[in-house]
Amino acid sequence: MRAALAERFRHAAGGPIGCAAYDIGRLFGEGIAASEHLTRAGVADGLRRVKQLPATSGYDGTLIGFGTYDHAALKGHYLVLRQWRDGHSVQV
Protein backbone atom coordinates (compact mmCIF):
# COMPACT_ATOMS: atom_id res chain seq x y z
CA MET A 1 0.00 0.00 0.00
CA ARG A 2 2.82 2.39 0.80
CA ALA A 3 4.53 1.70 -2.53
CA ALA A 4 1.27 2.47 -4.35
CA LEU A 5 0.95 5.69 -2.35
CA ALA A 6 4.55 6.60 -3.23
CA GLU A 7 3.74 6.32 -6.94
CA ARG A 8 0.87 8.81 -6.56
CA PHE A 9 2.05 11.06 -3.71
CA ARG A 10 5.77 10.60 -3.12
CA HIS A 11 5.98 13.24 -0.39
CA ALA A 12 3.11 11.71 1.65
CA ALA A 13 4.66 8.23 1.55
CA GLY A 14 8.03 9.56 2.73
CA GLY A 15 7.20 9.40 6.44
CA PRO A 16 4.79 8.11 9.05
CA ILE A 17 2.84 11.38 9.39
CA GLY A 18 1.99 11.50 5.68
CA CYS A 19 0.95 7.83 5.70
CA ALA A 20 -1.22 8.31 8.80
CA ALA A 21 -2.87 11.41 7.30
CA TYR A 22 -3.59 9.50 4.08
CA ASP A 23 -5.03 6.54 6.02
CA ILE A 24 -7.31 8.71 8.18
CA GLY A 25 -8.43 10.78 5.19
CA ARG A 26 -9.23 7.62 3.25
CA LEU A 27 -11.08 6.17 6.24
CA PHE A 28 -13.22 9.31 6.58
CA GLY A 29 -13.85 9.43 2.83
CA GLU A 30 -15.02 5.81 2.80
CA GLY A 31 -17.17 6.48 5.89
CA ILE A 32 -18.87 9.47 4.27
CA ALA A 33 -19.42 7.48 1.07
CA ALA A 34 -21.02 4.68 3.14
CA SER A 35 -23.34 7.12 4.91
CA GLU A 36 -27.01 7.00 4.02
CA HIS A 37 -27.57 10.55 5.34
CA LEU A 38 -25.08 13.37 5.68
CA THR A 39 -26.01 14.07 9.26
CA ARG A 40 -23.92 13.53 12.37
CA ALA A 41 -25.63 10.21 13.09
CA GLY A 42 -25.50 9.18 9.42
CA VAL A 43 -21.76 9.80 9.11
CA ALA A 44 -21.11 8.01 12.43
CA ASP A 45 -23.05 5.02 11.09
CA GLY A 46 -21.11 5.16 7.83
CA LEU A 47 -17.79 5.13 9.73
CA ARG A 48 -18.92 2.03 11.64
CA ARG A 49 -19.51 0.28 8.31
CA VAL A 50 -15.92 0.81 7.16
CA LYS A 51 -13.89 -2.20 8.26
CA GLN A 52 -10.61 -3.76 7.24
CA LEU A 53 -9.19 -1.32 4.70
CA PRO A 54 -5.50 -1.98 3.98
CA ALA A 55 -3.36 0.66 5.70
CA THR A 56 -0.25 2.40 4.39
CA SER A 57 0.98 2.67 8.00
CA GLY A 58 2.73 -0.33 9.53
CA TYR A 59 3.77 -3.56 7.87
CA ASP A 60 1.77 -5.41 5.21
CA GLY A 61 -1.40 -6.75 6.77
CA THR A 62 -2.13 -3.71 8.96
CA LEU A 63 -5.75 -2.66 8.59
CA ILE A 64 -7.79 0.45 9.31
CA GLY A 65 -11.47 0.68 10.11
CA PHE A 66 -14.06 1.18 12.80
CA GLY A 67 -16.86 -0.95 14.16
CA THR A 68 -19.81 -0.67 16.47
CA TYR A 69 -17.77 -1.51 19.56
CA ASP A 70 -14.29 -0.90 18.17
CA HIS A 71 -13.13 2.72 18.05
CA ALA A 72 -9.43 2.13 17.34
CA ALA A 73 -8.66 2.81 13.69
CA LEU A 74 -5.41 0.82 13.24
CA LYS A 75 -5.57 -2.95 13.64
CA GLY A 76 -3.24 -5.85 13.10
CA HIS A 77 -0.27 -7.69 14.47
CA TYR A 78 2.04 -5.74 12.25
CA LEU A 79 2.09 -2.28 13.78
CA VAL A 80 5.58 -0.83 13.96
CA LEU A 81 6.94 1.23 16.85
CA ARG A 82 9.01 4.08 15.42
CA GLN A 83 11.07 6.95 16.81
CA TRP A 84 12.48 10.18 15.37
CA ARG A 85 16.30 10.20 15.29
CA ASP A 86 18.32 12.91 13.56
CA GLY A 87 15.28 14.04 11.57
CA HIS A 88 14.36 10.55 10.34
CA SER A 89 11.83 7.95 11.43
CA VAL A 90 13.52 4.70 12.44
CA GLN A 91 12.07 1.41 13.67
CA VAL A 92 12.57 0.81 17.40
PDB file of N, CA and C in Angstrom:
ATOM      1  N   MET A   1       0.822  -1.184   0.000  1.00  0.00           N
ATOM      2  CA  MET A   1       0.000   0.000   0.000  1.00  0.00           C
ATOM      3  C   MET A   1       0.872   1.257   0.000  1.00  0.00           C
ATOM      4  N   ARG A   2       1.953   1.209   0.755  1.00  0.00           N
ATOM      5  CA  ARG A   2       2.819   2.391   0.805  1.00  0.00           C
ATOM      6  C   ARG A   2       3.529   2.618  -0.525  1.00  0.00           C
ATOM      7  N   ALA A   3       3.890   1.556  -1.207  1.00  0.00           N
ATOM      8  CA  ALA A   3       4.526   1.698  -2.527  1.00  0.00           C
ATOM      9  C   ALA A   3       3.547   2.307  -3.525  1.00  0.00           C
ATOM     10  N   ALA A   4       2.288   1.894  -3.460  1.00  0.00           N
ATOM     11  CA  ALA A   4       1.272   2.468  -4.353  1.00  0.00           C
ATOM     12  C   ALA A   4       1.052   3.944  -4.032  1.00  0.00           C
ATOM     13  N   LEU A   5       1.072   4.292  -2.744  1.00  0.00           N
ATOM     14  CA  LEU A   5       0.948   5.690  -2.348  1.00  0.00           C
ATOM     15  C   LEU A   5       2.147   6.490  -2.843  1.00  0.00           C
ATOM     16  N   ALA A   6       3.332   5.916  -2.781  1.00  0.00           N
ATOM     17  CA  ALA A   6       4.546   6.605  -3.225  1.00  0.00           C
ATOM     18  C   ALA A   6       4.502   6.911  -4.723  1.00  0.00           C
ATOM     19  N   GLU A   7       3.875   6.055  -5.506  1.00  0.00           N
ATOM     20  CA  GLU A   7       3.743   6.319  -6.936  1.00  0.00           C
ATOM     21  C   GLU A   7       2.847   7.518  -7.200  1.00  0.00           C
ATOM     22  N   ARG A   8       1.831   7.715  -6.366  1.00  0.00           N
ATOM     23  CA  ARG A   8       0.872   8.805  -6.562  1.00  0.00           C
ATOM     24  C   ARG A   8       1.277  10.069  -5.810  1.00  0.00           C
ATOM     25  N   PHE A   9       1.725   9.930  -4.564  1.00  0.00           N
ATOM     26  CA  PHE A   9       2.054  11.060  -3.707  1.00  0.00           C
ATOM     27  C   PHE A   9       3.362  10.766  -2.980  1.00  0.00           C
ATOM     28  N   ARG A  10       4.454  10.975  -3.652  1.00  0.00           N
ATOM     29  CA  ARG A  10       5.768  10.602  -3.119  1.00  0.00           C
ATOM     30  C   ARG A  10       6.064  11.259  -1.766  1.00  0.00           C
ATOM     31  N   HIS A  11       5.696  12.524  -1.634  1.00  0.00           N
ATOM     32  CA  HIS A  11       5.984  13.242  -0.390  1.00  0.00           C
ATOM     33  C   HIS A  11       5.206  12.650   0.791  1.00  0.00           C
ATOM     34  N   ALA A  12       3.945  12.275   0.572  1.00  0.00           N
ATOM     35  CA  ALA A  12       3.113  11.713   1.652  1.00  0.00           C
ATOM     36  C   ALA A  12       3.646  10.358   2.115  1.00  0.00           C
ATOM     37  N   ALA A  13       4.175   9.575   1.200  1.00  0.00           N
ATOM     38  CA  ALA A  13       4.661   8.233   1.546  1.00  0.00           C
ATOM     39  C   ALA A  13       6.049   8.269   2.175  1.00  0.00           C
ATOM     40  N   GLY A  14       6.664   9.445   2.234  1.00  0.00           N
ATOM     41  CA  GLY A  14       8.028   9.555   2.734  1.00  0.00           C
ATOM     42  C   GLY A  14       8.184   9.414   4.239  1.00  0.00           C
ATOM     43  N   GLY A  15       7.086   9.495   4.988  1.00  0.00           N
ATOM     44  CA  GLY A  15       7.201   9.403   6.441  1.00  0.00           C
ATOM     45  C   GLY A  15       5.910   8.934   7.078  1.00  0.00           C
ATOM     46  N   PRO A  16       5.965   8.655   8.371  1.00  0.00           N
ATOM     47  CA  PRO A  16       4.785   8.107   9.055  1.00  0.00           C
ATOM     48  C   PRO A  16       3.632   9.098   9.171  1.00  0.00           C
ATOM     49  N   ILE A  17       3.906  10.392   9.261  1.00  0.00           N
ATOM     50  CA  ILE A  17       2.841  11.384   9.394  1.00  0.00           C
ATOM     51  C   ILE A  17       2.030  11.460   8.107  1.00  0.00           C
ATOM     52  N   GLY A  18       2.689  11.469   6.972  1.00  0.00           N
ATOM     53  CA  GLY A  18       1.993  11.499   5.684  1.00  0.00           C
ATOM     54  C   GLY A  18       1.152  10.249   5.464  1.00  0.00           C
ATOM     55  N   CYS A  19       1.689   9.092   5.843  1.00  0.00           N
ATOM     56  CA  CYS A  19       0.946   7.834   5.704  1.00  0.00           C
ATOM     57  C   CYS A  19      -0.273   7.815   6.617  1.00  0.00           C
ATOM     58  N   ALA A  20      -0.100   8.273   7.850  1.00  0.00           N
ATOM     59  CA  ALA A  20      -1.223   8.306   8.797  1.00  0.00           C
ATOM     60  C   ALA A  20      -2.298   9.271   8.313  1.00  0.00           C
ATOM     61  N   ALA A  21      -1.895  10.432   7.812  1.00  0.00           N
ATOM     62  CA  ALA A  21      -2.867  11.409   7.300  1.00  0.00           C
ATOM     63  C   ALA A  21      -3.631  10.833   6.112  1.00  0.00           C
ATOM     64  N   TYR A  22      -2.932  10.135   5.221  1.00  0.00           N
ATOM     65  CA  TYR A  22      -3.591   9.502   4.077  1.00  0.00           C
ATOM     66  C   TYR A  22      -4.573   8.431   4.544  1.00  0.00           C
ATOM     67  N   ASP A  23      -4.155   7.601   5.506  1.00  0.00           N
ATOM     68  CA  ASP A  23      -5.030   6.544   6.022  1.00  0.00           C
ATOM     69  C   ASP A  23      -6.298   7.115   6.656  1.00  0.00           C
ATOM     70  N   ILE A  24      -6.145   8.129   7.505  1.00  0.00           N
ATOM     71  CA  ILE A  24      -7.307   8.709   8.178  1.00  0.00           C
ATOM     72  C   ILE A  24      -8.208   9.417   7.174  1.00  0.00           C
ATOM     73  N   GLY A  25      -7.625  10.131   6.227  1.00  0.00           N
ATOM     74  CA  GLY A  25      -8.433  10.780   5.188  1.00  0.00           C
ATOM     75  C   GLY A  25      -9.211   9.768   4.368  1.00  0.00           C
ATOM     76  N   ARG A  26      -8.563   8.677   4.017  1.00  0.00           N
ATOM     77  CA  ARG A  26      -9.230   7.621   3.251  1.00  0.00           C
ATOM     78  C   ARG A  26     -10.337   6.969   4.076  1.00  0.00           C
ATOM     79  N   LEU A  27     -10.075   6.754   5.350  1.00  0.00           N
ATOM     80  CA  LEU A  27     -11.075   6.171   6.237  1.00  0.00           C
ATOM     81  C   LEU A  27     -12.303   7.077   6.336  1.00  0.00           C
ATOM     82  N   PHE A  28     -12.090   8.375   6.515  1.00  0.00           N
ATOM     83  CA  PHE A  28     -13.216   9.307   6.579  1.00  0.00           C
ATOM     84  C   PHE A  28     -13.952   9.387   5.247  1.00  0.00           C
ATOM     85  N   GLY A  29     -13.209   9.400   4.151  1.00  0.00           N
ATOM     86  CA  GLY A  29     -13.852   9.428   2.831  1.00  0.00           C
ATOM     87  C   GLY A  29     -14.728   8.213   2.597  1.00  0.00           C
ATOM     88  N   GLU A  30     -14.225   7.037   2.955  1.00  0.00           N
ATOM     89  CA  GLU A  30     -15.021   5.808   2.804  1.00  0.00           C
ATOM     90  C   GLU A  30     -16.234   5.841   3.731  1.00  0.00           C
ATOM     91  N   GLY A  31     -16.060   6.386   4.943  1.00  0.00           N
ATOM     92  CA  GLY A  31     -17.167   6.482   5.891  1.00  0.00           C
ATOM     93  C   GLY A  31     -18.263   7.414   5.385  1.00  0.00           C
ATOM     94  N   ILE A  32     -17.880   8.540   4.817  1.00  0.00           N
ATOM     95  CA  ILE A  32     -18.872   9.471   4.269  1.00  0.00           C
ATOM     96  C   ILE A  32     -19.576   8.842   3.074  1.00  0.00           C
ATOM     97  N   ALA A  33     -18.815   8.146   2.233  1.00  0.00           N
ATOM     98  CA  ALA A  33     -19.425   7.478   1.074  1.00  0.00           C
ATOM     99  C   ALA A  33     -20.397   6.381   1.508  1.00  0.00           C
ATOM    100  N   ALA A  34     -20.144   5.747   2.644  1.00  0.00           N
ATOM    101  CA  ALA A  34     -21.019   4.679   3.140  1.00  0.00           C
ATOM    102  C   ALA A  34     -22.217   5.210   3.918  1.00  0.00           C
ATOM    103  N   SER A  35     -22.250   6.520   4.145  1.00  0.00           N
ATOM    104  CA  SER A  35     -23.343   7.123   4.913  1.00  0.00           C
ATOM    105  C   SER A  35     -24.613   7.201   4.080  1.00  0.00           C
ATOM    106  N   GLU A  36     -25.727   6.868   4.707  1.00  0.00           N
ATOM    107  CA  GLU A  36     -27.014   6.999   4.025  1.00  0.00           C
ATOM    108  C   GLU A  36     -27.509   8.440   4.072  1.00  0.00           C
ATOM    109  N   HIS A  37     -27.170   9.160   5.159  1.00  0.00           N
ATOM    110  CA  HIS A  37     -27.574  10.547   5.335  1.00  0.00           C
ATOM    111  C   HIS A  37     -26.367  11.339   5.796  1.00  0.00           C
ATOM    112  N   LEU A  38     -26.208  12.540   5.276  1.00  0.00           N
ATOM    113  CA  LEU A  38     -25.083  13.375   5.682  1.00  0.00           C
ATOM    114  C   LEU A  38     -25.447  14.193   6.916  1.00  0.00           C
ATOM    115  N   THR A  39     -25.769  13.486   7.959  1.00  0.00           N
ATOM    116  CA  THR A  39     -26.010  14.070   9.265  1.00  0.00           C
ATOM    117  C   THR A  39     -24.955  13.514  10.208  1.00  0.00           C
ATOM    118  N   ARG A  40     -24.893  14.037  11.401  1.00  0.00           N
ATOM    119  CA  ARG A  40     -23.916  13.534  12.371  1.00  0.00           C
ATOM    120  C   ARG A  40     -24.112  12.040  12.620  1.00  0.00           C
ATOM    121  N   ALA A  41     -25.348  11.629  12.843  1.00  0.00           N
ATOM    122  CA  ALA A  41     -25.632  10.212  13.092  1.00  0.00           C
ATOM    123  C   ALA A  41     -25.379   9.375  11.843  1.00  0.00           C
ATOM    124  N   GLY A  42     -25.709   9.915  10.667  1.00  0.00           N
ATOM    125  CA  GLY A  42     -25.498   9.177   9.425  1.00  0.00           C
ATOM    126  C   GLY A  42     -24.036   8.937   9.125  1.00  0.00           C
ATOM    127  N   VAL A  43     -23.201   9.952   9.340  1.00  0.00           N
ATOM    128  CA  VAL A  43     -21.763   9.801   9.107  1.00  0.00           C
ATOM    129  C   VAL A  43     -21.162   8.850  10.144  1.00  0.00           C
ATOM    130  N   ALA A  44     -21.603   8.937  11.400  1.00  0.00           N
ATOM    131  CA  ALA A  44     -21.112   8.010  12.429  1.00  0.00           C
ATOM    132  C   ALA A  44     -21.453   6.578  12.044  1.00  0.00           C
ATOM    133  N   ASP A  45     -22.657   6.356  11.525  1.00  0.00           N
ATOM    134  CA  ASP A  45     -23.053   5.017  11.087  1.00  0.00           C
ATOM    135  C   ASP A  45     -22.215   4.578   9.890  1.00  0.00           C
ATOM    136  N   GLY A  46     -21.945   5.491   8.976  1.00  0.00           N
ATOM    137  CA  GLY A  46     -21.106   5.163   7.826  1.00  0.00           C
ATOM    138  C   GLY A  46     -19.698   4.781   8.238  1.00  0.00           C
ATOM    139  N   LEU A  47     -19.132   5.465   9.236  1.00  0.00           N
ATOM    140  CA  LEU A  47     -17.793   5.129   9.731  1.00  0.00           C
ATOM    141  C   LEU A  47     -17.772   3.739  10.358  1.00  0.00           C
ATOM    142  N   ARG A  48     -18.857   3.371  11.028  1.00  0.00           N
ATOM    143  CA  ARG A  48     -18.916   2.033  11.638  1.00  0.00           C
ATOM    144  C   ARG A  48     -18.990   0.931  10.591  1.00  0.00           C
ATOM    145  N   ARG A  49     -19.415   1.275   9.388  1.00  0.00           N
ATOM    146  CA  ARG A  49     -19.505   0.284   8.310  1.00  0.00           C
ATOM    147  C   ARG A  49     -18.161   0.033   7.634  1.00  0.00           C
ATOM    148  N   VAL A  50     -17.232   0.944   7.805  1.00  0.00           N
ATOM    149  CA  VAL A  50     -15.920   0.811   7.164  1.00  0.00           C
ATOM    150  C   VAL A  50     -15.043  -0.075   8.032  1.00  0.00           C
ATOM    151  N   LYS A  51     -14.684  -1.229   7.502  1.00  0.00           N
ATOM    152  CA  LYS A  51     -13.886  -2.196   8.257  1.00  0.00           C
ATOM    153  C   LYS A  51     -12.828  -2.804   7.344  1.00  0.00           C
ATOM    154  N   GLN A  52     -11.686  -3.015   7.876  1.00  0.00           N
ATOM    155  CA  GLN A  52     -10.607  -3.761   7.237  1.00  0.00           C
ATOM    156  C   GLN A  52     -10.145  -3.200   5.891  1.00  0.00           C
ATOM    157  N   LEU A  53      -9.859  -1.896   5.859  1.00  0.00           N
ATOM    158  CA  LEU A  53      -9.192  -1.323   4.697  1.00  0.00           C
ATOM    159  C   LEU A  53      -7.686  -1.504   4.880  1.00  0.00           C
ATOM    160  N   PRO A  54      -6.954  -1.868   3.843  1.00  0.00           N
ATOM    161  CA  PRO A  54      -5.500  -1.984   3.981  1.00  0.00           C
ATOM    162  C   PRO A  54      -4.892  -0.620   4.311  1.00  0.00           C
ATOM    163  N   ALA A  55      -3.986  -0.585   5.266  1.00  0.00           N
ATOM    164  CA  ALA A  55      -3.356   0.661   5.704  1.00  0.00           C
ATOM    165  C   ALA A  55      -1.997   0.845   5.051  1.00  0.00           C
ATOM    166  N   THR A  56      -1.614   2.125   4.853  1.00  0.00           N
ATOM    167  CA  THR A  56      -0.255   2.405   4.391  1.00  0.00           C
ATOM    168  C   THR A  56       0.701   2.465   5.570  1.00  0.00           C
ATOM    169  N   SER A  57       0.166   2.646   6.770  1.00  0.00           N
ATOM    170  CA  SER A  57       0.980   2.672   7.996  1.00  0.00           C
ATOM    171  C   SER A  57       1.238   1.243   8.457  1.00  0.00           C
ATOM    172  N   GLY A  58       2.412   1.001   9.013  1.00  0.00           N
ATOM    173  CA  GLY A  58       2.726  -0.328   9.527  1.00  0.00           C
ATOM    174  C   GLY A  58       3.167  -1.283   8.429  1.00  0.00           C
ATOM    175  N   TYR A  59       3.379  -2.522   8.823  1.00  0.00           N
ATOM    176  CA  TYR A  59       3.771  -3.559   7.867  1.00  0.00           C
ATOM    177  C   TYR A  59       2.582  -4.007   7.033  1.00  0.00           C
ATOM    178  N   ASP A  60       2.854  -4.818   5.996  1.00  0.00           N
ATOM    179  CA  ASP A  60       1.770  -5.412   5.208  1.00  0.00           C
ATOM    180  C   ASP A  60       0.854  -6.191   6.139  1.00  0.00           C
ATOM    181  N   GLY A  61      -0.429  -6.051   5.928  1.00  0.00           N
ATOM    182  CA  GLY A  61      -1.396  -6.747   6.773  1.00  0.00           C
ATOM    183  C   GLY A  61      -2.043  -5.852   7.817  1.00  0.00           C
ATOM    184  N   THR A  62      -1.501  -4.633   8.030  1.00  0.00           N
ATOM    185  CA  THR A  62      -2.127  -3.705   8.962  1.00  0.00           C
ATOM    186  C   THR A  62      -3.384  -3.155   8.322  1.00  0.00           C
ATOM    187  N   LEU A  63      -4.454  -3.091   9.102  1.00  0.00           N
ATOM    188  CA  LEU A  63      -5.750  -2.665   8.587  1.00  0.00           C
ATOM    189  C   LEU A  63      -6.228  -1.419   9.316  1.00  0.00           C
ATOM    190  N   ILE A  64      -7.128  -0.676   8.664  1.00  0.00           N
ATOM    191  CA  ILE A  64      -7.793   0.447   9.307  1.00  0.00           C
ATOM    192  C   ILE A  64      -9.288   0.248   9.180  1.00  0.00           C
ATOM    193  N   GLY A  65     -10.018   0.761  10.147  1.00  0.00           N
ATOM    194  CA  GLY A  65     -11.470   0.676  10.110  1.00  0.00           C
ATOM    195  C   GLY A  65     -12.045   0.848  11.492  1.00  0.00           C
ATOM    196  N   PHE A  66     -13.335   1.041  11.539  1.00  0.00           N
ATOM    197  CA  PHE A  66     -14.058   1.177  12.797  1.00  0.00           C
ATOM    198  C   PHE A  66     -15.129   0.108  12.853  1.00  0.00           C
ATOM    199  N   GLY A  67     -15.749  -0.019  13.984  1.00  0.00           N
ATOM    200  CA  GLY A  67     -16.858  -0.946  14.157  1.00  0.00           C
ATOM    201  C   GLY A  67     -17.777  -0.417  15.238  1.00  0.00           C
ATOM    202  N   THR A  68     -18.847  -1.109  15.476  1.00  0.00           N
ATOM    203  CA  THR A  68     -19.814  -0.671  16.467  1.00  0.00           C
ATOM    204  C   THR A  68     -19.189  -0.554  17.854  1.00  0.00           C
ATOM    205  N   TYR A  69     -18.385  -1.525  18.242  1.00  0.00           N
ATOM    206  CA  TYR A  69     -17.770  -1.511  19.565  1.00  0.00           C
ATOM    207  C   TYR A  69     -16.264  -1.316  19.511  1.00  0.00           C
ATOM    208  N   ASP A  70     -15.726  -1.042  18.360  1.00  0.00           N
ATOM    209  CA  ASP A  70     -14.291  -0.899  18.174  1.00  0.00           C
ATOM    210  C   ASP A  70     -14.004   0.495  17.654  1.00  0.00           C
ATOM    211  N   HIS A  71     -13.379   1.340  18.446  1.00  0.00           N
ATOM    212  CA  HIS A  71     -13.132   2.716  18.051  1.00  0.00           C
ATOM    213  C   HIS A  71     -11.657   2.996  17.769  1.00  0.00           C
ATOM    214  N   ALA A  72     -10.837   1.970  17.700  1.00  0.00           N
ATOM    215  CA  ALA A  72      -9.431   2.129  17.342  1.00  0.00           C
ATOM    216  C   ALA A  72      -9.301   1.929  15.834  1.00  0.00           C
ATOM    217  N   ALA A  73      -8.710   2.877  15.144  1.00  0.00           N
ATOM    218  CA  ALA A  73      -8.659   2.813  13.690  1.00  0.00           C
ATOM    219  C   ALA A  73      -7.652   1.791  13.164  1.00  0.00           C
ATOM    220  N   LEU A  74      -6.442   1.744  13.727  1.00  0.00           N
ATOM    221  CA  LEU A  74      -5.413   0.816  13.239  1.00  0.00           C
ATOM    222  C   LEU A  74      -5.547  -0.540  13.917  1.00  0.00           C
ATOM    223  N   LYS A  75      -5.448  -1.593  13.116  1.00  0.00           N
ATOM    224  CA  LYS A  75      -5.571  -2.950  13.643  1.00  0.00           C
ATOM    225  C   LYS A  75      -4.525  -3.846  12.996  1.00  0.00           C
ATOM    226  N   GLY A  76      -4.147  -4.871  13.696  1.00  0.00           N
ATOM    227  CA  GLY A  76      -3.245  -5.845  13.105  1.00  0.00           C
ATOM    228  C   GLY A  76      -2.086  -6.169  14.015  1.00  0.00           C
ATOM    229  N   HIS A  77      -1.425  -7.245  13.701  1.00  0.00           N
ATOM    230  CA  HIS A  77      -0.271  -7.692  14.466  1.00  0.00           C
ATOM    231  C   HIS A  77       1.001  -7.051  13.954  1.00  0.00           C
ATOM    232  N   TYR A  78       0.856  -6.205  12.960  1.00  0.00           N
ATOM    233  CA  TYR A  78       2.037  -5.745  12.252  1.00  0.00           C
ATOM    234  C   TYR A  78       2.313  -4.264  12.444  1.00  0.00           C
ATOM    235  N   LEU A  79       1.802  -3.676  13.516  1.00  0.00           N
ATOM    236  CA  LEU A  79       2.095  -2.276  13.784  1.00  0.00           C
ATOM    237  C   LEU A  79       3.566  -2.139  14.151  1.00  0.00           C
ATOM    238  N   VAL A  80       4.149  -1.036  13.772  1.00  0.00           N
ATOM    239  CA  VAL A  80       5.576  -0.827  13.957  1.00  0.00           C
ATOM    240  C   VAL A  80       5.792   0.345  14.909  1.00  0.00           C
ATOM    241  N   LEU A  81       6.584   0.148  15.952  1.00  0.00           N
ATOM    242  CA  LEU A  81       6.941   1.231  16.849  1.00  0.00           C
ATOM    243  C   LEU A  81       8.136   1.959  16.241  1.00  0.00           C
ATOM    244  N   ARG A  82       7.970   3.288  16.055  1.00  0.00           N
ATOM    245  CA  ARG A  82       9.012   4.075  15.417  1.00  0.00           C
ATOM    246  C   ARG A  82       9.387   5.249  16.303  1.00  0.00           C
ATOM    247  N   GLN A  83      10.565   5.833  16.038  1.00  0.00           N
ATOM    248  CA  GLN A  83      11.068   6.954  16.814  1.00  0.00           C
ATOM    249  C   GLN A  83      11.813   7.898  15.871  1.00  0.00           C
ATOM    250  N   TRP A  84      11.726   9.200  16.163  1.00  0.00           N
ATOM    251  CA  TRP A  84      12.480  10.175  15.369  1.00  0.00           C
ATOM    252  C   TRP A  84      13.910  10.241  15.870  1.00  0.00           C
ATOM    253  N   ARG A  85      14.881  10.065  14.968  1.00  0.00           N
ATOM    254  CA  ARG A  85      16.301  10.201  15.288  1.00  0.00           C
ATOM    255  C   ARG A  85      16.973  10.984  14.168  1.00  0.00           C
ATOM    256  N   ASP A  86      17.595  12.069  14.525  1.00  0.00           N
ATOM    257  CA  ASP A  86      18.318  12.912  13.555  1.00  0.00           C
ATOM    258  C   ASP A  86      17.435  13.288  12.365  1.00  0.00           C
ATOM    259  N   GLY A  87      16.171  13.591  12.634  1.00  0.00           N
ATOM    260  CA  GLY A  87      15.279  14.041  11.574  1.00  0.00           C
ATOM    261  C   GLY A  87      14.696  12.938  10.715  1.00  0.00           C
ATOM    262  N   HIS A  88      14.879  11.686  11.106  1.00  0.00           N
ATOM    263  CA  HIS A  88      14.357  10.546  10.335  1.00  0.00           C
ATOM    264  C   HIS A  88      13.578   9.605  11.250  1.00  0.00           C
ATOM    265  N   SER A  89      12.608   8.944  10.685  1.00  0.00           N
ATOM    266  CA  SER A  89      11.834   7.945  11.425  1.00  0.00           C
ATOM    267  C   SER A  89      12.535   6.603  11.285  1.00  0.00           C
ATOM    268  N   VAL A  90      12.840   5.994  12.442  1.00  0.00           N
ATOM    269  CA  VAL A  90      13.517   4.698  12.442  1.00  0.00           C
ATOM    270  C   VAL A  90      12.718   3.708  13.284  1.00  0.00           C
ATOM    271  N   GLN A  91      12.770   2.453  12.911  1.00  0.00           N
ATOM    272  CA  GLN A  91      12.072   1.414  13.666  1.00  0.00           C
ATOM    273  C   GLN A  91      12.772   1.165  14.990  1.00  0.00           C
ATOM    274  N   VAL A  92      11.999   1.053  16.069  1.00  0.00           N
ATOM    275  CA  VAL A  92      12.567   0.810  17.397  1.00  0.00           C
ATOM    276  C   VAL A  92      12.605  -0.665  17.652  1.00  0.00           C
TER     277      VAL A  92
END
